Amino acid sequence: MSQYNNTAESRKNKHLTLRERYKIEVLLREELPLLEIAERLGRNKRTIEREISKGTIRLQNSDLTYREEYCADAGQRVYDKNGQNKGPGLKIGNDHKLAEHIERKIIKDKYSPDAVIGEIKAKGLKFKTTICTKTLYNYIDQGIFLNITNKDLPVKKDKKKRAYSKVRTHRKLKGTSIEDRPSEVDSREEYGHWEMDCVAGKREGGGSVLLALSERQRREEIIFKIPKKTQESVKEKLDYLELMHGENFKKKFKSITVDNGSEFLDFESLEKSLLNPESKRVTVYYAHPYSSWERGTNENINKLIRRFIPKGSNIDDYTEEDIQRIEHWINNYPRRIFGYRSANDMAA
């Protein structure tokens, strides 16, 4: 057998390069045998045969007849295309039941991807395959699901921690500052400490608003639709809660933390008992101005409300039944902090 001055090193299990493909094209034009081409490139003959088969194209001659010829660029295009299709198969594969469950939970039930995956694990729901939250987000970004896009998801949280500015001191505050709130409220060790806020509708103001109360320990939510964002409307709902719970009101509502909105400034009317005017039914604490993080539970749950009532919506368009459905949904929403149990699960 003839020996050739071959400087190409053997590259076992290595893919052909574009440079090698050009060499194959030149050597084929010189009509060298495939075995000799393989030896010059330090490749197996079968590798050269497969490459020629992939990169052979049909060309037209000047006399309008056709010929088949190997083209290095055509071979590279096939290689690149095949490379894009490589990689592990989708874990969700043919598990249509899991895909339908995910789509229903995100689109109809307005769950986040993490809540969907967490609930599956917490409830022990059985599917052919299992995926994690990160994989689900990747599938949605890649457009794997037929009916889900990023528009269907809640706003993704920014993982960077916010640098909070120095809190502003209260001016002319007549009520009790959050600075005087007991440590058991801050630590969430005790049930019965709430945060309260109003969720507005139309940007131009006026019309109905939502009065939202969020319990700090279990994240229980109570939502009322009130006609106006006024002290009278807020007091009326607290009076209603006291009448509904009677003597148990003080056990369920030990404190309420609010912001400095005008609807909360009359602390005496909020604290004064309707059933026993001589006593105080609850203690109201005021957060510092422009310090919404001091009512973080309230703010986070308000974002859940916004999944159903976007900013700028007219709350007058929503019925009392609509509001109760939102409240029910929030109290049954699986939360990571509780191992994907809901507020109602925590109360059971």
Protein backbone atom coordinates (compact mmCIF):
# COMPACT_ATOMS: atom_id res chain seq x y z
CA MET A 1 0.00 0.00 0.00
CA SER A 2 1.29 3.42 -0.88
CA GLN A 3 2.27 5.71 1.96
CA TYR A 4 1.43 9.41 1.90
CA ASN A 5 3.02 12.34 3.63
CA ASN A 6 0.02 12.78 5.92
CA THR A 7 0.42 15.37 8.68
CA ALA A 8 -3.20 15.23 9.79
CA GLU A 9 -3.55 13.71 13.24
CA SER A 10 -6.20 11.08 13.81
CA ARG A 11 -9.25 12.67 15.44
CA LYS A 12 -11.33 9.80 16.68
CA ASN A 13 -14.94 10.75 17.45
CA LYS A 14 -14.27 14.35 16.31
CA HIS A 15 -16.51 16.04 13.77
CA LEU A 16 -15.23 17.13 10.40
CA THR A 17 -14.32 20.81 10.19
CA LEU A 18 -15.21 23.21 7.37
CA ARG A 19 -11.55 23.24 6.36
CA GLU A 20 -11.57 19.47 5.99
CA ARG A 21 -14.73 19.67 3.91
CA TYR A 22 -13.00 22.05 1.51
CA LYS A 23 -10.11 19.57 1.25
CA ILE A 24 -12.56 16.79 0.40
CA GLU A 25 -14.10 18.96 -2.32
CA VAL A 26 -10.67 19.70 -3.88
CA LEU A 27 -9.47 16.09 -3.70
CA LEU A 28 -12.69 14.81 -5.28
CA ARG A 29 -12.16 17.19 -8.19
CA GLU A 30 -8.70 15.65 -8.56
CA GLU A 31 -10.53 12.31 -8.79
CA LEU A 32 -8.62 10.73 -5.91
CA PRO A 33 -10.06 7.48 -4.50
CA LEU A 34 -12.06 7.78 -1.29
CA LEU A 35 -9.56 5.61 0.60
CA GLU A 36 -6.71 7.94 -0.33
CA ILE A 37 -8.76 11.01 0.69
CA ALA A 38 -9.50 9.35 4.02
CA GLU A 39 -5.81 8.61 4.62
CA ARG A 40 -4.76 12.15 3.76
CA LEU A 41 -7.25 13.55 6.27
CA GLY A 42 -6.57 10.91 8.88
CA ARG A 43 -10.17 9.80 8.75
CA ASN A 44 -12.04 6.58 8.29
CA LYS A 45 -13.23 5.87 4.75
CA ARG A 46 -16.80 5.47 6.03
CA THR A 47 -16.65 8.99 7.51
CA ILE A 48 -15.74 10.40 4.08
CA GLU A 49 -18.53 8.43 2.41
CA ARG A 50 -21.14 9.76 4.85
CA GLU A 51 -19.89 13.31 4.40
CA ILE A 52 -20.06 13.08 0.60
CA SER A 53 -23.58 11.69 0.84
CA LYS A 54 -24.67 14.65 3.01
CA GLY A 55 -22.99 17.37 0.97
CA THR A 56 -23.76 16.19 -2.58
CA ILE A 57 -25.92 18.62 -4.55
CA ARG A 58 -27.46 18.61 -8.03
CA LEU A 59 -25.99 21.15 -10.50
CA GLN A 60 -27.01 22.08 -14.04
CA ASN A 61 -24.47 21.86 -16.89
CA SER A 62 -24.16 24.29 -19.77
CA ASP A 63 -26.00 21.86 -22.05
CA LEU A 64 -28.91 21.82 -19.59
CA THR A 65 -28.06 18.35 -18.32
CA TYR A 66 -27.50 17.75 -14.59
CA ARG A 67 -24.63 16.38 -12.55
CA GLU A 68 -24.17 15.54 -8.88
CA GLU A 69 -21.21 17.06 -7.11
CA TYR A 70 -19.98 17.34 -3.54
CA CYS A 71 -20.05 20.90 -2.10
CA ALA A 72 -18.24 21.69 1.15
CA ASP A 73 -20.62 24.56 1.99
CA ALA A 74 -23.64 22.30 1.50
CA GLY A 75 -22.12 19.69 3.80
CA GLN A 76 -21.47 22.35 6.45
CA ARG A 77 -25.07 23.60 6.23
CA VAL A 78 -26.38 20.09 6.85
CA TYR A 79 -23.98 19.70 9.77
CA ASP A 80 -25.07 23.03 11.34
CA LYS A 81 -28.76 22.21 10.92
CA ASN A 82 -28.35 18.80 12.52
CA GLY A 83 -26.42 20.42 15.36
CA GLN A 84 -29.34 22.73 16.14
CA ASN A 85 -31.65 19.75 16.48
CA LYS A 86 -29.40 17.94 18.94
CA GLY A 87 -29.72 17.96 22.68
CA PRO A 88 -31.87 16.20 25.25
CA GLY A 89 -35.53 15.69 24.43
CA LEU A 90 -38.16 17.72 26.22
CA LYS A 91 -38.80 16.27 29.65
CA ILE A 92 -42.49 16.98 29.28
CA GLY A 93 -42.36 14.84 26.12
CA ASN A 94 -45.71 13.29 25.32
CA ASP A 95 -47.17 13.92 28.76
CA HIS A 96 -50.20 15.76 27.41
CA LYS A 97 -51.99 15.44 30.74
CA LEU A 98 -49.27 17.41 32.51
CA ALA A 99 -49.17 20.03 29.73
CA GLU A 100 -52.96 20.51 29.93
CA HIS A 101 -52.80 20.78 33.74
CA ILE A 102 -50.11 23.48 33.53
CA GLU A 103 -51.99 25.45 30.88
CA ARG A 104 -55.24 25.30 32.87
CA LYS A 105 -53.59 26.43 36.10
CA ILE A 106 -51.69 29.33 34.52
CA ILE A 107 -54.35 30.59 32.09
CA LYS A 108 -57.63 29.85 33.89
CA ASP A 109 -56.58 29.77 37.55
CA LYS A 110 -53.89 32.49 37.14
CA TYR A 111 -51.22 30.51 39.00
CA SER A 112 -47.55 31.36 38.67
CA PRO A 113 -45.30 28.59 37.24
CA ASP A 114 -43.76 28.09 40.69
CA ALA A 115 -47.19 27.71 42.30
CA VAL A 116 -48.19 25.12 39.69
CA ILE A 117 -45.09 22.98 40.23
CA GLY A 118 -45.20 23.45 44.01
CA GLU A 119 -48.84 22.39 44.25
CA ILE A 120 -48.16 19.26 42.18
CA LYS A 121 -45.45 18.23 44.66
CA ALA A 122 -47.38 19.25 47.78
CA LYS A 123 -50.55 17.39 46.77
CA GLY A 124 -48.70 14.42 45.30
CA LEU A 125 -50.38 14.75 41.91
CA LYS A 126 -49.19 12.00 39.57
CA PHE A 127 -48.04 12.55 35.99
CA LYS A 128 -45.74 10.62 33.65
CA THR A 129 -42.96 13.15 34.05
CA THR A 130 -41.78 15.69 36.60
CA ILE A 131 -40.26 19.08 35.88
CA CYS A 132 -38.95 21.86 38.10
CA THR A 133 -39.95 25.52 38.14
CA LYS A 134 -36.84 26.61 36.19
CA THR A 135 -37.56 24.07 33.44
CA LEU A 136 -41.15 25.26 33.18
CA TYR A 137 -40.04 28.87 32.81
CA ASN A 138 -37.57 27.78 30.12
CA TYR A 139 -40.30 25.93 28.21
CA ILE A 140 -42.54 29.01 28.30
CA ASP A 141 -39.68 31.25 27.10
CA GLN A 142 -39.02 28.81 24.24
CA GLY A 143 -42.68 28.74 23.18
CA ILE A 144 -43.07 25.01 23.90
CA PHE A 145 -46.66 25.40 25.13
CA LEU A 146 -49.36 26.01 22.57
CA ASN A 147 -51.45 28.39 24.69
CA ILE A 148 -49.00 29.95 27.19
CA THR A 149 -46.73 32.93 26.62
CA ASN A 150 -44.91 35.25 29.02
CA LYS A 151 -47.92 37.59 28.78
CA ASP A 152 -49.87 35.03 30.82
CA LEU A 153 -47.39 35.16 33.71
CA PRO A 154 -47.16 37.49 36.69
CA VAL A 155 -44.32 39.99 36.51
CA LYS A 156 -41.09 38.17 37.26
CA LYS A 157 -39.43 39.35 40.44
CA ASP A 158 -36.16 41.22 40.28
CA LYS A 159 -33.74 39.10 42.33
CA LYS A 160 -31.71 42.17 43.25
CA LYS A 161 -32.52 43.32 46.73
CA ARG A 162 -33.83 46.84 46.96
CA ALA A 163 -31.67 49.36 48.78
CA TYR A 164 -34.19 50.98 51.07
CA SER A 165 -33.80 54.64 51.84
CA LYS A 166 -33.93 55.99 55.35
CA VAL A 167 -37.49 56.06 56.66
CA ARG A 168 -39.12 59.43 57.00
CA THR A 169 -40.30 60.41 60.46
CA HIS A 170 -43.95 60.99 61.15
CA ARG A 171 -45.14 64.55 61.29
CA LYS A 172 -48.07 65.51 63.49
CA LEU A 173 -48.99 61.84 63.96
CA LYS A 174 -51.81 61.47 66.46
CA GLY A 175 -51.97 57.68 66.38
CA THR A 176 -49.42 55.00 67.34
CA SER A 177 -46.28 54.70 65.22
CA ILE A 178 -45.06 51.35 63.87
CA GLU A 179 -41.95 51.99 65.94
CA ASP A 180 -44.05 51.13 69.01
CA ARG A 181 -45.42 47.90 67.55
CA PRO A 182 -44.61 44.83 69.75
CA SER A 183 -41.90 42.41 68.64
CA GLU A 184 -44.36 39.50 68.33
CA VAL A 185 -46.03 41.39 65.50
CA ASP A 186 -42.75 41.83 63.64
CA SER A 187 -41.77 38.17 64.09
CA ARG A 188 -45.16 36.89 62.91
CA GLU A 189 -45.24 34.48 65.85
CA GLU A 190 -48.81 35.34 66.77
CA TYR A 191 -51.99 35.20 64.71
CA GLY A 192 -54.26 38.21 64.55
CA HIS A 193 -52.02 41.04 63.37
CA TRP A 194 -53.20 42.58 60.10
CA GLU A 195 -52.15 45.10 57.49
CA MET A 196 -54.76 47.22 55.75
CA ASP A 197 -54.74 49.17 52.50
CA CYS A 198 -57.02 50.50 49.78
CA VAL A 199 -56.68 49.23 46.22
CA ALA A 200 -57.79 51.95 43.83
CA GLY A 201 -59.37 51.51 40.42
CA LYS A 202 -59.54 54.30 37.86
CA ARG A 203 -56.48 56.54 37.65
CA GLU A 204 -58.54 59.72 37.66
CA GLY A 205 -59.86 58.83 41.10
CA GLY A 206 -63.40 58.58 42.40
CA GLY A 207 -65.64 55.56 42.32
CA SER A 208 -65.42 52.37 44.33
CA VAL A 209 -62.18 50.99 45.79
CA LEU A 210 -61.21 47.79 47.54
CA LEU A 211 -60.42 47.67 51.23
CA ALA A 212 -57.89 44.84 51.65
CA LEU A 213 -56.88 43.35 55.02
CA SER A 214 -53.94 40.91 55.08
CA GLU A 215 -53.07 38.78 58.12
CA ARG A 216 -49.30 38.72 58.67
CA GLN A 217 -48.82 35.17 59.95
CA ARG A 218 -51.06 33.04 57.68
CA ARG A 219 -51.45 35.54 54.81
CA GLU A 220 -55.23 35.31 55.18
CA GLU A 221 -57.06 37.94 53.12
CA ILE A 222 -60.31 39.84 53.61
CA ILE A 223 -61.51 42.11 50.78
CA PHE A 224 -64.39 44.56 50.79
CA LYS A 225 -65.71 46.72 48.00
CA ILE A 226 -66.38 50.16 49.42
CA PRO A 227 -68.11 53.05 47.60
CA LYS A 228 -65.49 55.69 48.37
CA LYS A 229 -61.96 55.97 49.69
CA THR A 230 -63.03 57.71 52.89
CA GLN A 231 -62.69 57.31 56.66
CA GLU A 232 -66.42 56.70 56.96
CA SER A 233 -66.33 53.78 54.48
CA VAL A 234 -63.35 52.16 56.23
CA LYS A 235 -64.94 52.53 59.68
CA GLU A 236 -68.19 51.04 58.38
CA LYS A 237 -66.43 47.84 57.33
CA LEU A 238 -64.54 47.51 60.61
CA ASP A 239 -67.87 47.96 62.41
CA TYR A 240 -69.30 45.21 60.21
CA LEU A 241 -66.42 42.87 61.11
CA GLU A 242 -66.88 43.58 64.82
CA LEU A 243 -70.60 42.86 64.61
CA MET A 244 -69.93 39.65 62.67
CA HIS A 245 -67.30 38.29 65.09
CA GLY A 246 -68.72 39.71 68.31
CA GLU A 247 -66.59 38.91 71.35
CA ASN A 248 -64.08 37.05 69.13
CA PHE A 249 -63.22 40.22 67.22
CA LYS A 250 -60.39 41.13 69.60
CA LYS A 251 -58.90 37.65 69.26
CA LYS A 252 -58.97 37.73 65.48
CA PHE A 253 -57.97 41.41 65.10
CA LYS A 254 -55.30 42.26 67.66
CA SER A 255 -53.67 45.01 65.61
CA ILE A 256 -53.90 46.65 62.19
CA THR A 257 -50.99 48.39 60.46
CA VAL A 258 -51.90 51.04 57.88
CA ASP A 259 -50.20 53.72 55.82
CA ASN A 260 -50.74 57.44 56.15
CA GLY A 261 -53.61 57.68 53.69
CA SER A 262 -56.38 60.13 54.53
CA GLU A 263 -58.89 57.28 54.85
CA PHE A 264 -56.95 55.87 57.86
CA LEU A 265 -55.99 59.04 59.75
CA ASP A 266 -58.93 59.01 62.17
CA PHE A 267 -57.37 56.34 64.38
CA GLU A 268 -59.87 56.92 67.19
CA SER A 269 -62.86 55.92 65.04
CA LEU A 270 -60.99 52.85 63.79
CA GLU A 271 -59.98 51.73 67.28
CA LYS A 272 -63.20 52.54 69.12
CA SER A 273 -65.48 49.57 69.74
CA LEU A 274 -68.99 49.70 68.32
CA LEU A 275 -70.28 47.14 70.83
CA ASN A 276 -68.63 48.74 73.82
CA PRO A 277 -67.92 52.44 73.11
CA GLU A 278 -65.94 52.76 76.34
CA SER A 279 -63.25 50.32 75.19
CA LYS A 280 -60.80 49.94 72.32
CA ARG A 281 -61.46 47.08 69.91
CA VAL A 282 -58.06 47.07 68.14
CA THR A 283 -54.75 48.94 68.06
CA VAL A 284 -53.89 50.75 64.84
CA TYR A 285 -50.21 51.28 63.95
CA TYR A 286 -49.02 53.72 61.31
CA ALA A 287 -46.15 52.86 58.96
CA HIS A 288 -43.65 55.57 58.08
CA PRO A 289 -44.43 57.76 55.07
CA TYR A 290 -43.24 56.35 51.72
CA SER A 291 -42.27 53.05 53.38
CA SER A 292 -44.52 50.50 51.72
CA TRP A 293 -42.14 47.65 52.63
CA GLU A 294 -43.31 48.03 56.24
CA ARG A 295 -46.58 46.55 55.00
CA GLY A 296 -44.96 43.96 52.75
CA THR A 297 -47.68 41.33 53.21
CA ASN A 298 -50.34 43.80 52.12
CA GLU A 299 -48.32 44.94 49.11
CA ASN A 300 -47.58 41.39 47.91
CA ILE A 301 -51.19 40.26 48.19
CA ASN A 302 -52.34 43.40 46.39
CA LYS A 303 -50.30 42.14 43.42
CA LEU A 304 -52.38 38.96 43.48
CA ILE A 305 -55.54 41.09 43.36
CA ARG A 306 -54.11 42.88 40.32
CA ARG A 307 -54.07 39.59 38.40
CA PHE A 308 -57.86 39.91 38.32
CA ILE A 309 -58.30 43.69 38.52
CA PRO A 310 -55.50 45.41 36.55
CA LYS A 311 -54.49 48.98 37.36
CA GLY A 312 -56.80 51.49 35.73
CA SER A 313 -59.82 49.18 35.86
CA ASN A 314 -63.14 50.51 37.05
CA ILE A 315 -63.92 48.64 40.26
CA ASP A 316 -67.57 49.57 39.87
CA ASP A 317 -67.61 47.04 37.01
CA TYR A 318 -66.91 44.20 39.47
CA THR A 319 -69.73 42.69 41.50
CA GLU A 320 -69.60 41.65 45.14
CA GLU A 321 -69.54 38.04 43.89
CA ASP A 322 -66.45 38.85 41.78
CA ILE A 323 -64.68 40.26 44.83
CA GLN A 324 -65.57 37.23 46.95
CA ARG A 325 -64.20 34.90 44.25
CA ILE A 326 -60.90 36.80 44.27
CA GLU A 327 -60.74 36.59 48.08
CA HIS A 328 -61.47 32.86 47.95
CA TRP A 329 -58.78 32.36 45.29
CA ILE A 330 -56.15 34.20 47.35
CA ASN A 331 -56.94 32.23 50.51
CA ASN A 332 -56.56 28.97 48.58
CA TYR A 333 -53.45 29.95 46.64
CA PRO A 334 -50.42 27.69 47.34
CA ARG A 335 -47.50 29.60 48.84
CA ARG A 336 -43.86 28.59 48.78
CA ILE A 337 -43.26 29.97 52.27
CA PHE A 338 -45.75 27.40 53.65
CA GLY A 339 -44.49 24.47 51.57
CA TYR A 340 -47.16 25.31 48.96
CA ARG A 341 -49.99 25.16 51.46
CA SER A 342 -52.58 27.93 51.34
CA ALA A 343 -53.81 30.33 54.01
CA ASN A 344 -56.88 28.13 54.44
CA ASP A 345 -54.64 25.07 54.78
CA MET A 346 -52.65 26.86 57.52
CA ALA A 347 -55.87 27.63 59.40
CA ALA A 348 -57.11 24.02 59.27
